[in-house]
């Protein structure tokens, strides 16, 4: 079954940048993106950004002006560019999208999560 595969997390100092990527496990699949979420230890999963297939976005107040969600022109990969990172951005980040593969619609798929750690 098709899956979403994330990459790009890691350890960065405060003020630094990271870019997360999310693509389907089948390269010919296309995405109908929903958004990016994160979950910090001991906290509930929270919405970071929403993004539509056309590229329209909305952001949580805590990341507005620092994070940017985009989708590739080919609609096969979605990205989360994170700038001016703060220690409070430390969390596991998840992408969420519908996937279309060979005419079959796979709704509400989640990435495996990628750890982002921001040191002070």
C-alpha atoms as a PDB file:
ATOM      1  CA  UNK A   1       0.000   0.000   0.000  1.00  0.00           C
ATOM      2  CA  UNK A   2       1.286   3.453  -0.827  1.00  0.00           C
ATOM      3  CA  UNK A   3       2.900   5.389   2.022  1.00  0.00           C
ATOM      4  CA  UNK A   4       4.187   8.881   2.655  1.00  0.00           C
ATOM      5  CA  UNK A   5       7.921   9.086   3.277  1.00  0.00           C
ATOM      6  CA  UNK A   6       9.423  12.054   5.088  1.00  0.00           C
ATOM      7  CA  UNK A   7      12.993  13.303   5.157  1.00  0.00           C
ATOM      8  CA  UNK A   8      14.985  16.325   6.226  1.00  0.00           C
ATOM      9  CA  UNK A   9      14.743  16.413  10.006  1.00  0.00           C
ATOM     10  CA  UNK A  10      17.749  16.739  12.281  1.00  0.00           C
ATOM     11  CA  UNK A  11      19.540  18.761  14.908  1.00  0.00           C
ATOM     12  CA  UNK A  12      20.030  22.479  14.375  1.00  0.00           C
ATOM     13  CA  UNK A  13      20.986  25.450  16.515  1.00  0.00           C
ATOM     14  CA  UNK A  14      18.470  28.128  17.335  1.00  0.00           C
ATOM     15  CA  UNK A  15      18.159  30.549  14.448  1.00  0.00           C
ATOM     16  CA  UNK A  16      18.986  27.880  11.913  1.00  0.00           C
ATOM     17  CA  UNK A  17      16.936  26.382   9.112  1.00  0.00           C
ATOM     18  CA  UNK A  18      15.726  22.992   7.971  1.00  0.00           C
ATOM     19  CA  UNK A  19      13.611  21.802   5.059  1.00  0.00           C
ATOM     20  CA  UNK A  20      11.341  18.809   5.417  1.00  0.00           C
ATOM     21  CA  UNK A  21      10.194  16.810   2.408  1.00  0.00           C
ATOM     22  CA  UNK A  22       7.286  14.407   2.039  1.00  0.00           C
ATOM     23  CA  UNK A  23       6.664  12.179  -0.966  1.00  0.00           C
ATOM     24  CA  UNK A  24       4.715   9.050  -1.746  1.00  0.00           C
ATOM     25  CA  UNK A  25       6.558   5.726  -1.687  1.00  0.00           C
ATOM     26  CA  UNK A  26       5.573   5.240  -5.333  1.00  0.00           C
ATOM     27  CA  UNK A  27       7.323   7.871  -7.447  1.00  0.00           C
ATOM     28  CA  UNK A  28       4.479   8.105  -9.978  1.00  0.00           C
ATOM     29  CA  UNK A  29       1.928   8.974  -7.292  1.00  0.00           C
ATOM     30  CA  UNK A  30       0.652  12.493  -6.847  1.00  0.00           C
ATOM     31  CA  UNK A  31      -0.341  14.239  -3.668  1.00  0.00           C
ATOM     32  CA  UNK A  32      -3.409  16.169  -2.649  1.00  0.00           C
ATOM     33  CA  UNK A  33      -1.800  17.777   0.396  1.00  0.00           C
ATOM     34  CA  UNK A  34      -3.546  18.521   3.662  1.00  0.00           C
ATOM     35  CA  UNK A  35      -0.817  19.893   5.888  1.00  0.00           C
ATOM     36  CA  UNK A  36       2.019  19.539   8.352  1.00  0.00           C
ATOM     37  CA  UNK A  37       1.668  18.709  12.039  1.00  0.00           C
ATOM     38  CA  UNK A  38       4.058  18.341  14.957  1.00  0.00           C
ATOM     39  CA  UNK A  39       4.074  16.654  18.306  1.00  0.00           C
ATOM     40  CA  UNK A  40       6.399  17.608  21.131  1.00  0.00           C
ATOM     41  CA  UNK A  41       7.074  15.262  24.063  1.00  0.00           C
ATOM     42  CA  UNK A  42       4.150  15.186  26.458  1.00  0.00           C
ATOM     43  CA  UNK A  43       1.998  17.326  24.185  1.00  0.00           C
ATOM     44  CA  UNK A  44      -0.798  16.706  21.734  1.00  0.00           C
ATOM     45  CA  UNK A  45      -0.205  16.769  18.007  1.00  0.00           C
ATOM     46  CA  UNK A  46      -0.750  20.284  16.684  1.00  0.00           C
ATOM     47  CA  UNK A  47      -1.332  21.750  13.271  1.00  0.00           C
ATOM     48  CA  UNK A  48       1.619  23.703  11.888  1.00  0.00           C
ATOM     49  CA  UNK A  49       0.433  24.537   8.384  1.00  0.00           C
ATOM     50  CA  UNK A  50      -2.250  23.627   5.904  1.00  0.00           C
ATOM     51  CA  UNK A  51      -1.629  23.540   2.181  1.00  0.00           C
ATOM     52  CA  UNK A  52      -3.899  22.829  -0.756  1.00  0.00           C
ATOM     53  CA  UNK A  53      -3.036  21.264  -4.114  1.00  0.00           C
ATOM     54  CA  UNK A  54      -3.041  24.755  -5.601  1.00  0.00           C
ATOM     55  CA  UNK A  55      -0.544  25.886  -2.993  1.00  0.00           C
ATOM     56  CA  UNK A  56      -2.813  27.956  -0.766  1.00  0.00           C
ATOM     57  CA  UNK A  57      -1.515  27.946   2.793  1.00  0.00           C
ATOM     58  CA  UNK A  58      -2.402  28.824   6.359  1.00  0.00           C
ATOM     59  CA  UNK A  59      -0.100  28.757   9.356  1.00  0.00           C
ATOM     60  CA  UNK A  60      -0.277  28.448  13.093  1.00  0.00           C
ATOM     61  CA  UNK A  61       0.458  31.754  14.767  1.00  0.00           C
ATOM     62  CA  UNK A  62       3.544  30.269  16.411  1.00  0.00           C
ATOM     63  CA  UNK A  63       5.265  29.667  13.054  1.00  0.00           C
ATOM     64  CA  UNK A  64       3.798  32.417  10.897  1.00  0.00           C
ATOM     65  CA  UNK A  65       6.530  34.344   9.106  1.00  0.00           C
ATOM     66  CA  UNK A  66       9.132  31.651   9.816  1.00  0.00           C
ATOM     67  CA  UNK A  67       7.772  28.495   8.155  1.00  0.00           C
ATOM     68  CA  UNK A  68       6.691  28.039   4.553  1.00  0.00           C
ATOM     69  CA  UNK A  69       4.745  25.081   3.157  1.00  0.00           C
ATOM     70  CA  UNK A  70       4.932  24.393  -0.565  1.00  0.00           C
ATOM     71  CA  UNK A  71       4.164  21.668  -3.088  1.00  0.00           C
ATOM     72  CA  UNK A  72       6.269  20.775  -6.103  1.00  0.00           C
ATOM     73  CA  UNK A  73       4.963  21.704  -9.545  1.00  0.00           C
ATOM     74  CA  UNK A  74       4.674  18.000 -10.327  1.00  0.00           C
ATOM     75  CA  UNK A  75       2.451  17.599  -7.242  1.00  0.00           C
ATOM     76  CA  UNK A  76       4.537  14.649  -6.085  1.00  0.00           C
ATOM     77  CA  UNK A  77       6.349  16.185  -3.124  1.00  0.00           C
ATOM     78  CA  UNK A  78       5.394  18.622  -0.393  1.00  0.00           C
ATOM     79  CA  UNK A  79       7.857  20.664   1.612  1.00  0.00           C
ATOM     80  CA  UNK A  80       8.080  22.545   4.869  1.00  0.00           C
ATOM     81  CA  UNK A  81      10.807  25.192   4.944  1.00  0.00           C
ATOM     82  CA  UNK A  82      11.564  26.153   8.527  1.00  0.00           C
ATOM     83  CA  UNK A  83      13.632  29.279   9.217  1.00  0.00           C
ATOM     84  CA  UNK A  84      14.608  31.100  12.401  1.00  0.00           C
ATOM     85  CA  UNK A  85      14.070  27.925  14.357  1.00  0.00           C
ATOM     86  CA  UNK A  86      13.509  28.128  18.100  1.00  0.00           C
ATOM     87  CA  UNK A  87      13.966  25.492  20.816  1.00  0.00           C
ATOM     88  CA  UNK A  88      10.180  25.371  21.201  1.00  0.00           C
ATOM     89  CA  UNK A  89       9.961  24.094  17.612  1.00  0.00           C
ATOM     90  CA  UNK A  90      11.515  20.831  18.781  1.00  0.00           C
ATOM     91  CA  UNK A  91       9.081  18.045  17.926  1.00  0.00           C
ATOM     92  CA  UNK A  92       8.360  15.152  15.617  1.00  0.00           C
ATOM     93  CA  UNK A  93       6.927  16.561  12.402  1.00  0.00           C
ATOM     94  CA  UNK A  94       4.340  14.728  10.286  1.00  0.00           C
ATOM     95  CA  UNK A  95       3.024  15.336   6.801  1.00  0.00           C
ATOM     96  CA  UNK A  96      -0.582  14.543   5.923  1.00  0.00           C
ATOM     97  CA  UNK A  97      -1.980  14.142   2.414  1.00  0.00           C
ATOM     98  CA  UNK A  98      -4.303  12.218   0.161  1.00  0.00           C
ATOM     99  CA  UNK A  99      -2.438  10.157  -2.424  1.00  0.00           C
ATOM    100  CA  UNK A 100      -3.537   9.352  -5.981  1.00  0.00           C
ATOM    101  CA  UNK A 101      -1.859   6.374  -7.618  1.00  0.00           C
ATOM    102  CA  UNK A 102      -2.906   4.775 -10.919  1.00  0.00           C
ATOM    103  CA  UNK A 103      -6.393   6.214 -10.566  1.00  0.00           C
ATOM    104  CA  UNK A 104      -6.867   4.994  -6.994  1.00  0.00           C
ATOM    105  CA  UNK A 105      -7.460   7.521  -4.220  1.00  0.00           C
ATOM    106  CA  UNK A 106      -5.783   6.823  -0.887  1.00  0.00           C
ATOM    107  CA  UNK A 107      -7.240   9.220   1.657  1.00  0.00           C
ATOM    108  CA  UNK A 108      -5.638  10.748   4.711  1.00  0.00           C
ATOM    109  CA  UNK A 109      -2.165   9.230   4.616  1.00  0.00           C
ATOM    110  CA  UNK A 110       0.458  10.194   7.209  1.00  0.00           C
ATOM    111  CA  UNK A 111       4.212  10.293   7.012  1.00  0.00           C
ATOM    112  CA  UNK A 112       6.282   8.280   9.457  1.00  0.00           C
ATOM    113  CA  UNK A 113       7.399  11.409  11.287  1.00  0.00           C
ATOM    114  CA  UNK A 114      10.779  13.077  11.356  1.00  0.00           C
ATOM    115  CA  UNK A 115      12.514  14.457  14.448  1.00  0.00           C
ATOM    116  CA  UNK A 116      13.451  18.129  14.538  1.00  0.00           C
ATOM    117  CA  UNK A 117      15.589  19.192  17.480  1.00  0.00           C
ATOM    118  CA  UNK A 118      16.563  22.825  18.002  1.00  0.00           C
ATOM    119  CA  UNK A 119      19.301  23.518  20.532  1.00  0.00           C
ATOM    120  CA  UNK A 120      19.601  26.807  22.381  1.00  0.00           C
END
